[in-house]
């Protein structure tokens, strides 16, 4: 119940010292049955409702809390601009080494 995907609007490059998304951001709890693990791959999946995270999605991360907590990963990539009434489903995958 604590696993969350977060999206934000900062294009600032990644640095090891970052502990949260840097821009305006929003975290969403995982969909039922997520995260999942298959051998060495973890998949996280969240749905962002029409009223949630309506801004440029330029950064994303995986978290263990609704606020604060730990950030597992932060990626900087332009995923587009979400606007109401769109509902976006965001899926992120990671490899266990």
N, C-alpha and C. Protein backbone atom coordinates (compact mmCIF):
# COMPACT_ATOMS: atom_id res chain seq x y z
N UNK A 1 0.81 -1.21 0.00
CA UNK A 1 0.00 0.00 0.00
C UNK A 1 0.84 1.26 0.00
N UNK A 2 2.14 1.12 0.22
CA UNK A 2 3.00 2.30 0.25
C UNK A 2 3.67 2.58 -1.07
N UNK A 3 3.76 1.61 -1.97
CA UNK A 3 4.45 1.81 -3.25
C UNK A 3 3.71 2.84 -4.10
N UNK A 4 4.47 3.80 -4.62
CA UNK A 4 3.88 4.89 -5.42
C UNK A 4 4.78 5.21 -6.60
N UNK A 5 4.15 5.65 -7.68
CA UNK A 5 4.87 6.27 -8.79
C UNK A 5 4.63 7.75 -8.70
N UNK A 6 5.67 8.51 -8.93
CA UNK A 6 5.55 9.96 -8.91
C UNK A 6 5.99 10.53 -10.24
N UNK A 7 5.35 11.62 -10.64
CA UNK A 7 5.73 12.35 -11.85
C UNK A 7 5.88 13.82 -11.49
N UNK A 8 6.76 14.50 -12.22
CA UNK A 8 7.00 15.91 -11.95
C UNK A 8 7.40 16.65 -13.21
N UNK A 9 7.57 17.96 -13.08
CA UNK A 9 7.82 18.79 -14.27
C UNK A 9 9.21 19.44 -14.30
N UNK A 10 10.19 18.84 -13.62
CA UNK A 10 11.55 19.37 -13.68
C UNK A 10 12.40 18.55 -14.64
N UNK A 11 13.13 19.25 -15.49
CA UNK A 11 14.04 18.59 -16.44
C UNK A 11 15.49 18.64 -15.94
N UNK A 12 15.69 19.00 -14.67
CA UNK A 12 17.03 19.04 -14.09
C UNK A 12 17.65 17.65 -14.16
N UNK A 13 18.90 17.59 -14.56
CA UNK A 13 19.59 16.31 -14.70
C UNK A 13 19.64 15.56 -13.36
N UNK A 14 19.69 14.24 -13.45
CA UNK A 14 19.76 13.39 -12.27
C UNK A 14 21.09 13.58 -11.54
N UNK A 15 21.02 13.53 -10.20
CA UNK A 15 22.21 13.53 -9.35
C UNK A 15 21.97 12.56 -8.20
N UNK A 16 23.02 11.88 -7.76
CA UNK A 16 22.90 10.89 -6.68
C UNK A 16 22.37 11.48 -5.38
N UNK A 17 22.49 12.77 -5.19
CA UNK A 17 22.07 13.41 -3.94
C UNK A 17 20.57 13.70 -3.89
N UNK A 18 19.86 13.52 -5.00
CA UNK A 18 18.42 13.84 -5.03
C UNK A 18 17.63 12.78 -4.26
N UNK A 19 16.70 13.25 -3.43
CA UNK A 19 15.88 12.36 -2.61
C UNK A 19 14.40 12.47 -2.94
N UNK A 20 14.06 13.33 -3.90
CA UNK A 20 12.66 13.52 -4.29
C UNK A 20 12.65 14.11 -5.70
N UNK A 21 11.48 14.13 -6.31
CA UNK A 21 11.33 14.81 -7.59
C UNK A 21 11.53 16.30 -7.33
N UNK A 22 11.99 17.02 -8.33
CA UNK A 22 12.41 18.41 -8.09
C UNK A 22 11.36 19.45 -8.44
N UNK A 23 10.51 19.20 -9.40
CA UNK A 23 9.53 20.19 -9.82
C UNK A 23 8.20 19.99 -9.12
N UNK A 24 7.17 20.65 -9.65
CA UNK A 24 5.80 20.37 -9.22
C UNK A 24 5.59 18.89 -9.47
N UNK A 25 5.09 18.16 -8.47
CA UNK A 25 4.98 16.71 -8.65
C UNK A 25 3.76 16.14 -7.96
N UNK A 26 3.47 14.91 -8.33
CA UNK A 26 2.31 14.21 -7.79
C UNK A 26 2.65 12.73 -7.70
N UNK A 27 2.33 12.11 -6.57
CA UNK A 27 2.53 10.67 -6.39
C UNK A 27 1.19 9.95 -6.39
N UNK A 28 1.18 8.78 -7.01
CA UNK A 28 -0.06 7.99 -7.09
C UNK A 28 0.24 6.57 -6.64
N UNK A 29 -0.64 6.02 -5.81
CA UNK A 29 -0.52 4.65 -5.32
C UNK A 29 -0.59 3.67 -6.51
N UNK A 30 -0.01 2.49 -6.32
CA UNK A 30 -0.02 1.47 -7.37
C UNK A 30 -1.43 0.92 -7.60
N UNK A 31 -1.64 0.44 -8.83
CA UNK A 31 -2.86 -0.30 -9.12
C UNK A 31 -2.81 -1.63 -8.38
N UNK A 32 -3.98 -2.24 -8.21
CA UNK A 32 -4.06 -3.54 -7.53
C UNK A 32 -3.13 -4.53 -8.23
N UNK A 33 -2.47 -5.36 -7.47
CA UNK A 33 -1.52 -6.40 -7.88
C UNK A 33 -0.15 -5.86 -8.25
N UNK A 34 0.09 -4.56 -8.18
CA UNK A 34 1.41 -3.99 -8.48
C UNK A 34 2.02 -3.45 -7.20
N UNK A 35 3.34 -3.45 -7.09
CA UNK A 35 4.30 -3.85 -8.11
C UNK A 35 4.36 -5.37 -8.26
N UNK A 36 4.88 -5.80 -9.42
CA UNK A 36 5.06 -7.23 -9.67
C UNK A 36 6.53 -7.50 -9.93
N UNK A 37 6.91 -8.75 -9.75
CA UNK A 37 8.29 -9.16 -10.01
C UNK A 37 8.29 -10.43 -10.82
N UNK A 38 9.11 -10.44 -11.86
CA UNK A 38 9.28 -11.62 -12.69
C UNK A 38 10.77 -11.83 -12.88
N UNK A 39 11.29 -12.83 -12.22
CA UNK A 39 12.73 -13.15 -12.21
C UNK A 39 13.50 -11.90 -11.78
N UNK A 40 14.09 -11.15 -12.71
CA UNK A 40 14.92 -9.99 -12.35
C UNK A 40 14.28 -8.67 -12.74
N UNK A 41 12.99 -8.65 -13.08
CA UNK A 41 12.35 -7.42 -13.51
C UNK A 41 11.19 -7.07 -12.58
N UNK A 42 11.15 -5.80 -12.13
CA UNK A 42 10.05 -5.29 -11.33
C UNK A 42 9.24 -4.33 -12.19
N UNK A 43 7.91 -4.42 -12.09
CA UNK A 43 7.03 -3.52 -12.82
C UNK A 43 6.14 -2.78 -11.83
N UNK A 44 6.11 -1.45 -11.97
CA UNK A 44 5.25 -0.59 -11.18
C UNK A 44 4.20 0.00 -12.11
N UNK A 45 2.97 0.18 -11.64
CA UNK A 45 1.91 0.71 -12.51
C UNK A 45 0.92 1.52 -11.68
N UNK A 46 0.66 2.75 -12.13
CA UNK A 46 -0.31 3.63 -11.47
C UNK A 46 -1.16 4.32 -12.52
N UNK A 47 -2.41 4.61 -12.17
CA UNK A 47 -3.31 5.37 -13.04
C UNK A 47 -3.52 6.75 -12.44
N UNK A 48 -3.35 7.77 -13.25
CA UNK A 48 -3.52 9.16 -12.83
C UNK A 48 -4.84 9.67 -13.38
N UNK A 49 -5.77 10.01 -12.48
CA UNK A 49 -7.12 10.44 -12.84
C UNK A 49 -7.11 11.79 -13.56
N UNK A 50 -8.26 12.16 -14.11
CA UNK A 50 -8.40 13.40 -14.88
C UNK A 50 -7.94 14.63 -14.12
N UNK A 51 -8.14 14.67 -12.82
CA UNK A 51 -7.78 15.85 -12.02
C UNK A 51 -6.37 15.79 -11.44
N UNK A 52 -5.61 14.74 -11.75
CA UNK A 52 -4.30 14.54 -11.13
C UNK A 52 -3.15 14.77 -12.11
N UNK A 53 -2.10 15.43 -11.64
CA UNK A 53 -0.82 15.57 -12.35
C UNK A 53 -0.98 16.19 -13.74
N UNK A 54 -1.76 17.25 -13.83
CA UNK A 54 -1.97 17.93 -15.11
C UNK A 54 -0.88 18.98 -15.32
N UNK A 55 0.24 18.52 -15.85
CA UNK A 55 1.39 19.36 -16.16
C UNK A 55 2.31 18.56 -17.07
N UNK A 56 3.43 19.15 -17.48
CA UNK A 56 4.43 18.44 -18.28
C UNK A 56 5.05 17.34 -17.42
N UNK A 57 5.08 16.12 -17.94
CA UNK A 57 5.71 15.01 -17.23
C UNK A 57 7.15 14.91 -17.73
N UNK A 58 8.08 15.48 -16.99
CA UNK A 58 9.49 15.52 -17.39
C UNK A 58 10.40 14.67 -16.50
N UNK A 59 9.89 14.23 -15.38
CA UNK A 59 10.67 13.40 -14.46
C UNK A 59 9.71 12.41 -13.80
N UNK A 60 10.25 11.29 -13.36
CA UNK A 60 9.43 10.30 -12.67
C UNK A 60 10.28 9.52 -11.70
N UNK A 61 9.62 8.93 -10.72
CA UNK A 61 10.34 8.15 -9.72
C UNK A 61 9.44 7.16 -9.02
N UNK A 62 10.08 6.26 -8.28
CA UNK A 62 9.38 5.24 -7.50
C UNK A 62 9.61 5.56 -6.03
N UNK A 63 8.54 5.51 -5.24
CA UNK A 63 8.59 5.90 -3.83
C UNK A 63 7.95 4.85 -2.93
N UNK A 64 8.27 4.93 -1.64
CA UNK A 64 7.67 4.02 -0.66
C UNK A 64 6.74 4.75 0.31
N UNK A 65 6.28 5.95 -0.06
CA UNK A 65 5.38 6.70 0.82
C UNK A 65 4.63 7.76 0.01
N UNK A 66 3.50 8.21 0.55
CA UNK A 66 2.71 9.25 -0.11
C UNK A 66 3.45 10.58 -0.16
N UNK A 67 4.29 10.85 0.84
CA UNK A 67 5.15 12.02 0.86
C UNK A 67 6.40 11.65 1.65
N UNK A 68 7.46 12.38 1.43
CA UNK A 68 8.76 12.07 2.05
C UNK A 68 9.13 10.62 1.72
N UNK A 69 9.57 9.85 2.70
CA UNK A 69 9.96 8.46 2.44
C UNK A 69 11.20 8.38 1.58
N UNK A 70 11.39 7.24 0.95
CA UNK A 70 12.57 6.99 0.11
C UNK A 70 12.19 6.97 -1.36
N UNK A 71 13.08 7.51 -2.20
CA UNK A 71 12.91 7.45 -3.65
C UNK A 71 13.86 6.37 -4.16
N UNK A 72 13.30 5.37 -4.82
CA UNK A 72 14.11 4.29 -5.36
C UNK A 72 14.88 4.72 -6.60
N UNK A 73 14.23 5.47 -7.45
CA UNK A 73 14.86 5.86 -8.71
C UNK A 73 14.23 7.16 -9.20
N UNK A 74 15.02 7.98 -9.89
CA UNK A 74 14.50 9.19 -10.55
C UNK A 74 15.02 9.18 -11.97
N UNK A 75 14.11 9.26 -12.92
CA UNK A 75 14.46 9.34 -14.33
C UNK A 75 13.99 10.67 -14.89
N UNK A 76 14.80 11.25 -15.75
CA UNK A 76 14.44 12.49 -16.43
C UNK A 76 14.16 12.13 -17.88
N UNK A 77 12.90 12.26 -18.27
CA UNK A 77 12.47 11.97 -19.64
C UNK A 77 11.15 12.68 -19.89
N UNK A 78 10.98 13.17 -21.10
CA UNK A 78 9.76 13.88 -21.46
C UNK A 78 8.70 12.87 -21.89
N UNK A 79 7.69 12.71 -21.04
CA UNK A 79 6.60 11.77 -21.33
C UNK A 79 5.38 12.46 -21.90
N UNK A 80 5.45 13.78 -22.06
CA UNK A 80 4.32 14.52 -22.63
C UNK A 80 3.66 15.41 -21.60
N UNK A 81 2.59 16.07 -22.03
CA UNK A 81 1.84 16.97 -21.15
C UNK A 81 0.45 16.38 -20.91
N UNK A 82 0.15 16.10 -19.66
CA UNK A 82 -1.16 15.57 -19.29
C UNK A 82 -2.10 16.73 -19.00
N UNK A 83 -3.31 16.66 -19.51
CA UNK A 83 -4.33 17.68 -19.26
C UNK A 83 -5.67 17.00 -19.05
N UNK A 84 -6.49 17.58 -18.20
CA UNK A 84 -7.84 17.07 -17.97
C UNK A 84 -8.64 17.19 -19.26
N UNK A 85 -9.44 16.23 -19.61
CA UNK A 85 -9.95 15.11 -18.84
C UNK A 85 -9.20 13.81 -19.04
N UNK A 86 -7.98 13.85 -19.52
CA UNK A 86 -7.23 12.63 -19.79
C UNK A 86 -6.92 11.86 -18.51
N UNK A 87 -6.97 10.55 -18.62
CA UNK A 87 -6.53 9.63 -17.57
C UNK A 87 -5.32 8.90 -18.14
N UNK A 88 -4.19 9.01 -17.47
CA UNK A 88 -2.97 8.36 -17.96
C UNK A 88 -2.60 7.21 -17.05
N UNK A 89 -2.20 6.10 -17.66
CA UNK A 89 -1.68 4.95 -16.94
C UNK A 89 -0.18 4.93 -17.19
N UNK A 90 0.59 4.96 -16.12
CA UNK A 90 2.05 5.00 -16.21
C UNK A 90 2.62 3.69 -15.69
N UNK A 91 3.42 3.06 -16.52
CA UNK A 91 4.09 1.82 -16.15
C UNK A 91 5.59 2.03 -16.22
N UNK A 92 6.29 1.61 -15.18
CA UNK A 92 7.74 1.76 -15.11
C UNK A 92 8.33 0.39 -14.78
N UNK A 93 9.43 0.05 -15.44
CA UNK A 93 10.08 -1.23 -15.22
C UNK A 93 11.51 -1.02 -14.73
N UNK A 94 11.97 -1.93 -13.91
CA UNK A 94 13.34 -1.89 -13.43
C UNK A 94 13.93 -3.28 -13.38
N UNK A 95 15.23 -3.35 -13.51
CA UNK A 95 15.93 -4.63 -13.49
C UNK A 95 16.72 -4.78 -12.20
N UNK A 96 16.61 -5.93 -11.59
CA UNK A 96 17.37 -6.25 -10.39
C UNK A 96 18.69 -6.86 -10.83
N UNK A 97 19.77 -6.31 -10.35
CA UNK A 97 21.09 -6.83 -10.75
C UNK A 97 21.73 -7.62 -9.64
